[in-house]
Amino acid sequence: MFIQNKYNNWYYQIIQRASNRLLEGYVEKHHIIPKSLNGSDDPSNLVTLTAREHFICHLLLTKMVVGQQRYKMIKAAKMLSNVIGPRQCRYKVTNRVYSILKENVEVPVQTRIKMSKAQKTRFLNNTGTFLNKTHSEETRKKMSISASKPKSIAWKESASKNRKGKTAPNKGIPHSAKTKQKISNAVMGEKNGFFGKHHSEEQREKKRQEKLAAPKKICYYCNKETDPMNYSRWHGDKCKMRKI
């Protein structure tokens, strides 16, 4: 299965060393023969590695196979450098290594066509899919009630922990004039879900009271006290007094 080269030798040197020791602290389980290459979950195919060793092993695997198997190993190494969970302490890779993985993980056109056909066939032949179906009014009401329920403190803490250190891919990058126009055209007139509708007096009063009750923030440039929404839009680093 594997090409006999220096990378193969380095790989099994790491595996051999890891098999004869006992690590303490944070560790990660590694499949010696990866599952995507028909490896099993048998204990004889598992070894305990540090986060750095785990990533290096997956990097070496990309040099030990060819063809479709190499594509699988490149994708696995790229995922290993990206995915960070509450119980994962991934090894941080350099920009150069990440660039190489990103450029080589591109899916071949022929593979994309096969994947597309397989997906379409699955939806057409599988009666368990939601193709050409809609939720009933009763189901929609249940979903609405479920979504509107207040989240527990434990849920909020878990969601906050998972989001820490992550940013949106386009955060801080302003939209181009063309993109802004597309967004504007997509919600203009009857395309807007609120077109021709108005908030009731009760809703307006409710929103007003919520805004008045919101904790105020003081801008450190103009010393003006305002609600969080207006603060984030007009004050702080965006305050016009900052440049004076």
C-alpha atoms as a PDB file:
ATOM      1  CA  MET A   1       0.000   0.000   0.000  1.00  0.00           C
ATOM      2  CA  PHE A   2       2.694   2.501   1.007  1.00  0.00           C
ATOM      3  CA  ILE A   3       5.599   3.605  -1.166  1.00  0.00           C
ATOM      4  CA  GLN A   4       8.954   2.501   0.230  1.00  0.00           C
ATOM      5  CA  ASN A   5      10.806   5.818   0.635  1.00  0.00           C
ATOM      6  CA  LYS A   6      12.421   7.948   3.337  1.00  0.00           C
ATOM      7  CA  TYR A   7       9.029   9.297   4.441  1.00  0.00           C
ATOM      8  CA  ASN A   8       7.863   5.745   5.045  1.00  0.00           C
ATOM      9  CA  ASN A   9      10.932   5.109   7.223  1.00  0.00           C
ATOM     10  CA  TRP A  10      10.411   8.338   9.201  1.00  0.00           C
ATOM     11  CA  TYR A  11       6.734   7.499   9.702  1.00  0.00           C
ATOM     12  CA  TYR A  12       7.373   4.062  11.181  1.00  0.00           C
ATOM     13  CA  GLN A  13      10.213   5.403  13.346  1.00  0.00           C
ATOM     14  CA  ILE A  14       7.686   7.730  15.028  1.00  0.00           C
ATOM     15  CA  ILE A  15       5.169   4.865  15.347  1.00  0.00           C
ATOM     16  CA  GLN A  16       7.786   2.526  16.820  1.00  0.00           C
ATOM     17  CA  ARG A  17       8.981   5.110  19.352  1.00  0.00           C
ATOM     18  CA  ALA A  18       5.401   5.915  20.400  1.00  0.00           C
ATOM     19  CA  SER A  19       4.573   2.218  20.869  1.00  0.00           C
ATOM     20  CA  ASN A  20       7.288   1.841  23.515  1.00  0.00           C
ATOM     21  CA  ARG A  21       6.442   4.728  25.851  1.00  0.00           C
ATOM     22  CA  LEU A  22       3.750   6.101  28.147  1.00  0.00           C
ATOM     23  CA  LEU A  23       2.712   9.727  27.563  1.00  0.00           C
ATOM     24  CA  GLU A  24       1.208  12.056  30.171  1.00  0.00           C
ATOM     25  CA  GLY A  25      -0.960  15.101  29.583  1.00  0.00           C
ATOM     26  CA  TYR A  26      -2.725  15.845  26.294  1.00  0.00           C
ATOM     27  CA  VAL A  27      -2.480  13.039  23.703  1.00  0.00           C
ATOM     28  CA  GLU A  28      -4.249  12.020  20.487  1.00  0.00           C
ATOM     29  CA  LYS A  29      -5.083   8.570  19.112  1.00  0.00           C
ATOM     30  CA  HIS A  30      -3.730   7.809  15.646  1.00  0.00           C
ATOM     31  CA  HIS A  31      -4.633   5.013  13.211  1.00  0.00           C
ATOM     32  CA  ILE A  32      -1.375   3.557  11.876  1.00  0.00           C
ATOM     33  CA  ILE A  33      -3.223   2.480   8.719  1.00  0.00           C
ATOM     34  CA  PRO A  34      -5.755   5.338   8.293  1.00  0.00           C
ATOM     35  CA  LYS A  35      -9.433   4.400   8.297  1.00  0.00           C
ATOM     36  CA  SER A  36      -9.866   6.036   4.877  1.00  0.00           C
ATOM     37  CA  LEU A  37      -7.291   3.524   3.608  1.00  0.00           C
ATOM     38  CA  ASN A  38      -9.282   0.607   5.093  1.00  0.00           C
ATOM     39  CA  GLY A  39      -7.550   0.680   8.470  1.00  0.00           C
ATOM     40  CA  SER A  40      -9.415  -0.792  11.455  1.00  0.00           C
ATOM     41  CA  ASP A  41     -10.140   0.325  15.029  1.00  0.00           C
ATOM     42  CA  ASP A  42      -8.257  -2.677  16.350  1.00  0.00           C
ATOM     43  CA  PRO A  43      -5.867  -1.769  19.238  1.00  0.00           C
ATOM     44  CA  SER A  44      -2.950  -3.103  17.165  1.00  0.00           C
ATOM     45  CA  ASN A  45      -3.694  -0.356  14.593  1.00  0.00           C
ATOM     46  CA  LEU A  46      -3.823   2.443  17.185  1.00  0.00           C
ATOM     47  CA  VAL A  47      -1.002   4.438  18.750  1.00  0.00           C
ATOM     48  CA  THR A  48      -0.890   7.394  21.165  1.00  0.00           C
ATOM     49  CA  LEU A  49       0.853  10.536  19.877  1.00  0.00           C
ATOM     50  CA  THR A  50       1.356  14.165  20.845  1.00  0.00           C
ATOM     51  CA  ALA A  51      -0.540  16.759  18.787  1.00  0.00           C
ATOM     52  CA  ARG A  52       2.676  17.679  16.934  1.00  0.00           C
ATOM     53  CA  GLU A  53       3.566  14.045  16.175  1.00  0.00           C
ATOM     54  CA  HIS A  54       0.000  13.371  15.032  1.00  0.00           C
ATOM     55  CA  PHE A  55       0.147  16.163  12.468  1.00  0.00           C
ATOM     56  CA  ILE A  56       3.651  15.196  11.279  1.00  0.00           C
ATOM     57  CA  CYS A  57       2.488  11.602  10.741  1.00  0.00           C
ATOM     58  CA  HIS A  58      -0.416  12.765   8.590  1.00  0.00           C
ATOM     59  CA  LEU A  59       1.947  15.033   6.663  1.00  0.00           C
ATOM     60  CA  LEU A  60       4.277  12.068   6.032  1.00  0.00           C
ATOM     61  CA  LEU A  61       1.339   9.937   4.880  1.00  0.00           C
ATOM     62  CA  THR A  62       0.740  12.378   1.991  1.00  0.00           C
ATOM     63  CA  LYS A  63       4.245  11.439   0.727  1.00  0.00           C
ATOM     64  CA  MET A  64       3.739   7.689   1.111  1.00  0.00           C
ATOM     65  CA  VAL A  65       0.803   7.121  -1.267  1.00  0.00           C
ATOM     66  CA  VAL A  66      -0.291   8.191  -4.769  1.00  0.00           C
ATOM     67  CA  GLY A  67      -3.465   8.850  -6.732  1.00  0.00           C
ATOM     68  CA  GLN A  68      -6.803   8.957  -4.946  1.00  0.00           C
ATOM     69  CA  GLN A  69      -5.199   7.731  -1.732  1.00  0.00           C
ATOM     70  CA  ARG A  70      -2.873  10.756  -1.717  1.00  0.00           C
ATOM     71  CA  TYR A  71      -5.856  13.076  -2.118  1.00  0.00           C
ATOM     72  CA  LYS A  72      -7.480  11.450   0.939  1.00  0.00           C
ATOM     73  CA  MET A  73      -4.313  11.900   3.005  1.00  0.00           C
ATOM     74  CA  ILE A  74      -3.910  15.565   1.978  1.00  0.00           C
ATOM     75  CA  LYS A  75      -7.519  16.227   2.948  1.00  0.00           C
ATOM     76  CA  ALA A  76      -7.004  14.484   6.306  1.00  0.00           C
ATOM     77  CA  ALA A  77      -3.864  16.548   7.032  1.00  0.00           C
ATOM     78  CA  LYS A  78      -5.696  19.761   6.106  1.00  0.00           C
ATOM     79  CA  MET A  79      -8.617  18.888   8.373  1.00  0.00           C
ATOM     80  CA  LEU A  80      -6.203  18.107  11.192  1.00  0.00           C
ATOM     81  CA  SER A  81      -4.711  21.606  10.911  1.00  0.00           C
ATOM     82  CA  ASN A  82      -8.144  23.303  10.831  1.00  0.00           C
ATOM     83  CA  VAL A  83     -10.522  21.512  13.178  1.00  0.00           C
ATOM     84  CA  ILE A  84     -10.410  22.684  16.786  1.00  0.00           C
ATOM     85  CA  GLY A  85     -12.890  21.362  19.307  1.00  0.00           C
ATOM     86  CA  PRO A  86     -13.375  21.575  23.087  1.00  0.00           C
ATOM     87  CA  ARG A  87     -11.271  18.416  23.549  1.00  0.00           C
ATOM     88  CA  GLN A  88      -8.764  19.013  20.766  1.00  0.00           C
ATOM     89  CA  CYS A  89      -5.472  20.856  21.013  1.00  0.00           C
ATOM     90  CA  ARG A  90      -4.330  20.839  17.393  1.00  0.00           C
ATOM     91  CA  TYR A  91      -0.735  21.472  16.387  1.00  0.00           C
ATOM     92  CA  LYS A  92      -0.465  24.897  14.739  1.00  0.00           C
ATOM     93  CA  VAL A  93       1.048  24.692  11.255  1.00  0.00           C
ATOM     94  CA  THR A  94       3.059  27.337   9.393  1.00  0.00           C
ATOM     95  CA  ASN A  95       1.550  29.428   6.593  1.00  0.00           C
ATOM     96  CA  ARG A  96       3.717  27.610   4.051  1.00  0.00           C
ATOM     97  CA  VAL A  97       2.573  24.133   5.098  1.00  0.00           C
ATOM     98  CA  TYR A  98      -1.065  25.223   5.191  1.00  0.00           C
ATOM     99  CA  SER A  99      -0.726  26.764   1.706  1.00  0.00           C
ATOM    100  CA  ILE A 100       0.695  23.518   0.290  1.00  0.00           C
ATOM    101  CA  LEU A 101      -2.145  21.473   1.777  1.00  0.00           C
ATOM    102  CA  LYS A 102      -4.778  23.942   0.605  1.00  0.00           C
ATOM    103  CA  GLU A 103      -3.465  24.023  -2.969  1.00  0.00           C
ATOM    104  CA  ASN A 104      -3.174  20.236  -3.241  1.00  0.00           C
ATOM    105  CA  VAL A 105      -6.561  19.381  -1.757  1.00  0.00           C
ATOM    106  CA  GLU A 106      -8.440  20.690  -4.811  1.00  0.00           C
ATOM    107  CA  VAL A 107     -10.944  18.034  -5.930  1.00  0.00           C
ATOM    108  CA  PRO A 108     -10.397  16.788  -9.520  1.00  0.00           C
ATOM    109  CA  VAL A 109     -13.145  17.733 -12.019  1.00  0.00           C
ATOM    110  CA  GLN A 110     -13.923  14.084 -12.753  1.00  0.00           C
ATOM    111  CA  THR A 111     -14.354  13.385  -9.035  1.00  0.00           C
ATOM    112  CA  ARG A 112     -16.686  16.382  -8.663  1.00  0.00           C
ATOM    113  CA  ILE A 113     -18.896  15.084 -11.500  1.00  0.00           C
ATOM    114  CA  LYS A 114     -19.086  11.631  -9.879  1.00  0.00           C
ATOM    115  CA  MET A 115     -19.950  13.153  -6.488  1.00  0.00           C
ATOM    116  CA  SER A 116     -22.659  15.332  -8.058  1.00  0.00           C
ATOM    117  CA  LYS A 117     -24.260  12.384  -9.872  1.00  0.00           C
ATOM    118  CA  ALA A 118     -24.154  10.235  -6.743  1.00  0.00           C
ATOM    119  CA  GLN A 119     -25.793  12.981  -4.670  1.00  0.00           C
ATOM    120  CA  LYS A 120     -28.575  13.536  -7.237  1.00  0.00           C
ATOM    121  CA  THR A 121     -29.232   9.792  -7.497  1.00  0.00           C
ATOM    122  CA  ARG A 122     -29.404   9.518  -3.710  1.00  0.00           C
ATOM    123  CA  PHE A 123     -32.081  12.205  -3.493  1.00  0.00           C
ATOM    124  CA  LEU A 124     -34.102  10.784  -6.378  1.00  0.00           C
ATOM    125  CA  ASN A 125     -34.071   7.142  -5.229  1.00  0.00           C
ATOM    126  CA  ASN A 126     -34.110   7.524  -1.441  1.00  0.00           C
ATOM    127  CA  THR A 127     -37.644   7.890  -0.065  1.00  0.00           C
ATOM    128  CA  GLY A 128     -36.223   9.061   3.274  1.00  0.00           C
ATOM    129  CA  THR A 129     -35.079  12.446   1.921  1.00  0.00           C
ATOM    130  CA  PHE A 130     -37.019  15.731   2.141  1.00  0.00           C
ATOM    131  CA  LEU A 131     -37.127  16.288  -1.651  1.00  0.00           C
ATOM    132  CA  ASN A 132     -40.304  18.087  -2.835  1.00  0.00           C
ATOM    133  CA  LYS A 133     -41.752  18.053   0.685  1.00  0.00           C
ATOM    134  CA  THR A 134     -42.729  20.831   3.106  1.00  0.00           C
ATOM    135  CA  HIS A 135     -43.254  20.971   6.870  1.00  0.00           C
ATOM    136  CA  SER A 136     -46.835  20.980   8.119  1.00  0.00           C
ATOM    137  CA  GLU A 137     -48.183  23.978  10.021  1.00  0.00           C
ATOM    138  CA  GLU A 138     -48.106  21.955  13.235  1.00  0.00           C
ATOM    139  CA  THR A 139     -44.438  21.039  12.706  1.00  0.00           C
ATOM    140  CA  ARG A 140     -43.533  24.656  11.881  1.00  0.00           C
ATOM    141  CA  LYS A 141     -45.226  25.823  15.080  1.00  0.00           C
ATOM    142  CA  LYS A 142     -43.281  23.250  17.125  1.00  0.00           C
ATOM    143  CA  MET A 143     -40.005  24.329  15.490  1.00  0.00           C
ATOM    144  CA  SER A 144     -40.816  27.986  16.174  1.00  0.00           C
ATOM    145  CA  ILE A 145     -41.565  27.311  19.854  1.00  0.00           C
ATOM    146  CA  SER A 146     -38.372  25.253  20.206  1.00  0.00           C
ATOM    147  CA  ALA A 147     -36.241  27.989  18.613  1.00  0.00           C
ATOM    148  CA  SER A 148     -37.771  30.727  20.777  1.00  0.00           C
ATOM    149  CA  LYS A 149     -37.082  28.939  24.081  1.00  0.00           C
ATOM    150  CA  PRO A 150     -34.348  30.649  26.149  1.00  0.00           C
ATOM    151  CA  LYS A 151     -31.042  28.808  26.067  1.00  0.00           C
ATOM    152  CA  SER A 152     -29.632  27.396  29.296  1.00  0.00           C
ATOM    153  CA  ILE A 153     -26.466  28.830  30.872  1.00  0.00           C
ATOM    154  CA  ALA A 154     -24.649  25.543  30.176  1.00  0.00           C
ATOM    155  CA  TRP A 155     -25.594  25.748  26.469  1.00  0.00           C
ATOM    156  CA  LYS A 156     -24.437  29.369  26.227  1.00  0.00           C
ATOM    157  CA  GLU A 157     -21.112  28.588  27.909  1.00  0.00           C
ATOM    158  CA  SER A 158     -20.537  25.624  25.576  1.00  0.00           C
ATOM    159  CA  ALA A 159     -21.362  27.695  22.471  1.00  0.00           C
ATOM    160  CA  SER A 160     -19.118  30.537  23.655  1.00  0.00           C
ATOM    161  CA  LYS A 161     -16.231  28.141  24.318  1.00  0.00           C
ATOM    162  CA  ASN A 162     -16.527  26.597  20.845  1.00  0.00           C
ATOM    163  CA  ARG A 163     -16.563  30.026  19.149  1.00  0.00           C
ATOM    164  CA  LYS A 164     -13.589  31.506  21.002  1.00  0.00           C
ATOM    165  CA  GLY A 165     -10.592  32.105  18.788  1.00  0.00           C
ATOM    166  CA  LYS A 166     -12.621  31.666  15.605  1.00  0.00           C
ATOM    167  CA  THR A 167     -13.459  34.449  13.180  1.00  0.00           C
ATOM    168  CA  ALA A 168     -15.566  34.631  10.047  1.00  0.00           C
ATOM    169  CA  PRO A 169     -13.458  34.171   6.868  1.00  0.00           C
ATOM    170  CA  ASN A 170     -14.430  37.622   5.514  1.00  0.00           C
ATOM    171  CA  LYS A 171     -14.545  39.493   8.824  1.00  0.00           C
ATOM    172  CA  GLY A 172     -13.104  42.983   8.483  1.00  0.00           C
ATOM    173  CA  ILE A 173     -13.185  42.883   4.659  1.00  0.00           C
ATOM    174  CA  PRO A 174     -15.688  45.439   3.248  1.00  0.00           C
ATOM    175  CA  HIS A 175     -18.099  44.377   0.486  1.00  0.00           C
ATOM    176  CA  SER A 176     -17.385  45.615  -3.026  1.00  0.00           C
ATOM    177  CA  ALA A 177     -19.836  48.017  -4.700  1.00  0.00           C
ATOM    178  CA  LYS A 178     -21.022  45.171  -6.954  1.00  0.00           C
ATOM    179  CA  THR A 179     -21.715  42.879  -3.972  1.00  0.00           C
ATOM    180  CA  LYS A 180     -23.540  45.656  -2.115  1.00  0.00           C
ATOM    181  CA  GLN A 181     -25.776  46.193  -5.152  1.00  0.00           C
ATOM    182  CA  LYS A 182     -26.537  42.452  -5.367  1.00  0.00           C
ATOM    183  CA  ILE A 183     -27.499  42.389  -1.683  1.00  0.00           C
ATOM    184  CA  SER A 184     -29.669  45.461  -2.138  1.00  0.00           C
ATOM    185  CA  ASN A 185     -31.447  44.021  -5.201  1.00  0.00           C
ATOM    186  CA  ALA A 186     -32.097  40.749  -3.368  1.00  0.00           C
ATOM    187  CA  VAL A 187     -34.198  42.412  -0.640  1.00  0.00           C
ATOM    188  CA  MET A 188     -35.839  45.310  -2.475  1.00  0.00           C
ATOM    189  CA  GLY A 189     -39.585  45.715  -2.906  1.00  0.00           C
ATOM    190  CA  GLU A 190     -41.698  42.551  -2.843  1.00  0.00           C
ATOM    191  CA  LYS A 191     -38.561  40.426  -2.391  1.00  0.00           C
ATOM    192  CA  ASN A 192     -38.389  41.781   1.150  1.00  0.00           C
ATOM    193  CA  GLY A 193     -40.300  39.548   3.560  1.00  0.00           C
ATOM    194  CA  PHE A 194     -41.624  42.634   5.420  1.00  0.00           C
ATOM    195  CA  PHE A 195     -42.808  44.432   2.260  1.00  0.00           C
ATOM    196  CA  GLY A 196     -46.163  46.186   2.807  1.00  0.00           C
ATOM    197  CA  LYS A 197     -46.234  45.326   6.534  1.00  0.00           C
ATOM    198  CA  HIS A 198     -45.913  47.488   9.653  1.00  0.00           C
ATOM    199  CA  HIS A 199     -45.110  46.854  13.291  1.00  0.00           C
ATOM    200  CA  SER A 200     -48.061  47.201  15.642  1.00  0.00           C
ATOM    201  CA  GLU A 201     -48.047  49.837  18.378  1.00  0.00           C
ATOM    202  CA  GLU A 202     -47.639  47.048  20.924  1.00  0.00           C
ATOM    203  CA  GLN A 203     -44.521  45.749  19.144  1.00  0.00           C
ATOM    204  CA  ARG A 204     -43.056  49.260  18.863  1.00  0.00           C
ATOM    205  CA  GLU A 205     -43.586  49.908  22.556  1.00  0.00           C
ATOM    206  CA  LYS A 206     -42.043  46.554  23.445  1.00  0.00           C
ATOM    207  CA  LYS A 207     -38.931  47.321  21.368  1.00  0.00           C
ATOM    208  CA  ARG A 208     -38.702  50.800  22.881  1.00  0.00           C
ATOM    209  CA  GLN A 209     -38.818  49.436  26.425  1.00  0.00           C
ATOM    210  CA  GLU A 210     -36.177  46.792  25.572  1.00  0.00           C
ATOM    211  CA  LYS A 211     -33.905  49.500  24.225  1.00  0.00           C
ATOM    212  CA  LEU A 212     -34.405  51.707  27.286  1.00  0.00           C
ATOM    213  CA  ALA A 213     -33.733  48.781  29.629  1.00  0.00           C
ATOM    214  CA  ALA A 214     -30.535  47.724  27.801  1.00  0.00           C
ATOM    215  CA  PRO A 215     -27.307  48.460  29.748  1.00  0.00           C
ATOM    216  CA  LYS A 216     -25.660  51.661  28.517  1.00  0.00           C
ATOM    217  CA  LYS A 217     -22.078  52.017  27.332  1.00  0.00           C
ATOM    218  CA  ILE A 218     -19.944  55.153  27.447  1.00  0.00           C
ATOM    219  CA  CYS A 219     -17.806  55.980  24.414  1.00  0.00           C
ATOM    220  CA  TYR A 220     -14.198  56.655  25.472  1.00  0.00           C
ATOM    221  CA  TYR A 221     -13.765  59.218  22.669  1.00  0.00           C
ATOM    222  CA  CYS A 222     -16.837  61.449  22.976  1.00  0.00           C
ATOM    223  CA  ASN A 223     -18.010  60.336  26.476  1.00  0.00           C
ATOM    224  CA  LYS A 224     -21.547  59.865  25.187  1.00  0.00           C
ATOM    225  CA  GLU A 225     -23.704  57.240  26.894  1.00  0.00           C
ATOM    226  CA  THR A 226     -25.725  55.056  24.526  1.00  0.00           C
ATOM    227  CA  ASP A 227     -27.180  51.567  24.078  1.00  0.00           C
ATOM    228  CA  PRO A 228     -24.966  48.702  22.809  1.00  0.00           C
ATOM    229  CA  MET A 229     -26.460  48.674  19.304  1.00  0.00           C
ATOM    230  CA  ASN A 230     -25.819  52.363  18.637  1.00  0.00           C
ATOM    231  CA  TYR A 231     -22.453  52.121  20.386  1.00  0.00           C
ATOM    232  CA  SER A 232     -21.213  49.407  18.007  1.00  0.00           C
ATOM    233  CA  ARG A 233     -22.452  51.408  15.000  1.00  0.00           C
ATOM    234  CA  TRP A 234     -21.401  54.968  15.828  1.00  0.00           C
ATOM    235  CA  HIS A 235     -18.981  54.916  18.761  1.00  0.00           C
ATOM    236  CA  GLY A 236     -15.846  53.150  20.008  1.00  0.00           C
ATOM    237  CA  ASP A 237     -13.334  52.795  17.170  1.00  0.00           C
ATOM    238  CA  LYS A 238     -15.948  54.200  14.742  1.00  0.00           C
ATOM    239  CA  CYS A 239     -16.514  57.421  16.729  1.00  0.00           C
ATOM    240  CA  LYS A 240     -16.080  60.598  14.678  1.00  0.00           C
ATOM    241  CA  MET A 241     -14.273  62.211  17.639  1.00  0.00           C
ATOM    242  CA  ARG A 242     -11.501  59.616  17.398  1.00  0.00           C
ATOM    243  CA  LYS A 243      -9.756  61.491  14.568  1.00  0.00           C
ATOM    244  CA  ILE A 244      -9.893  64.867  16.285  1.00  0.00           C
END
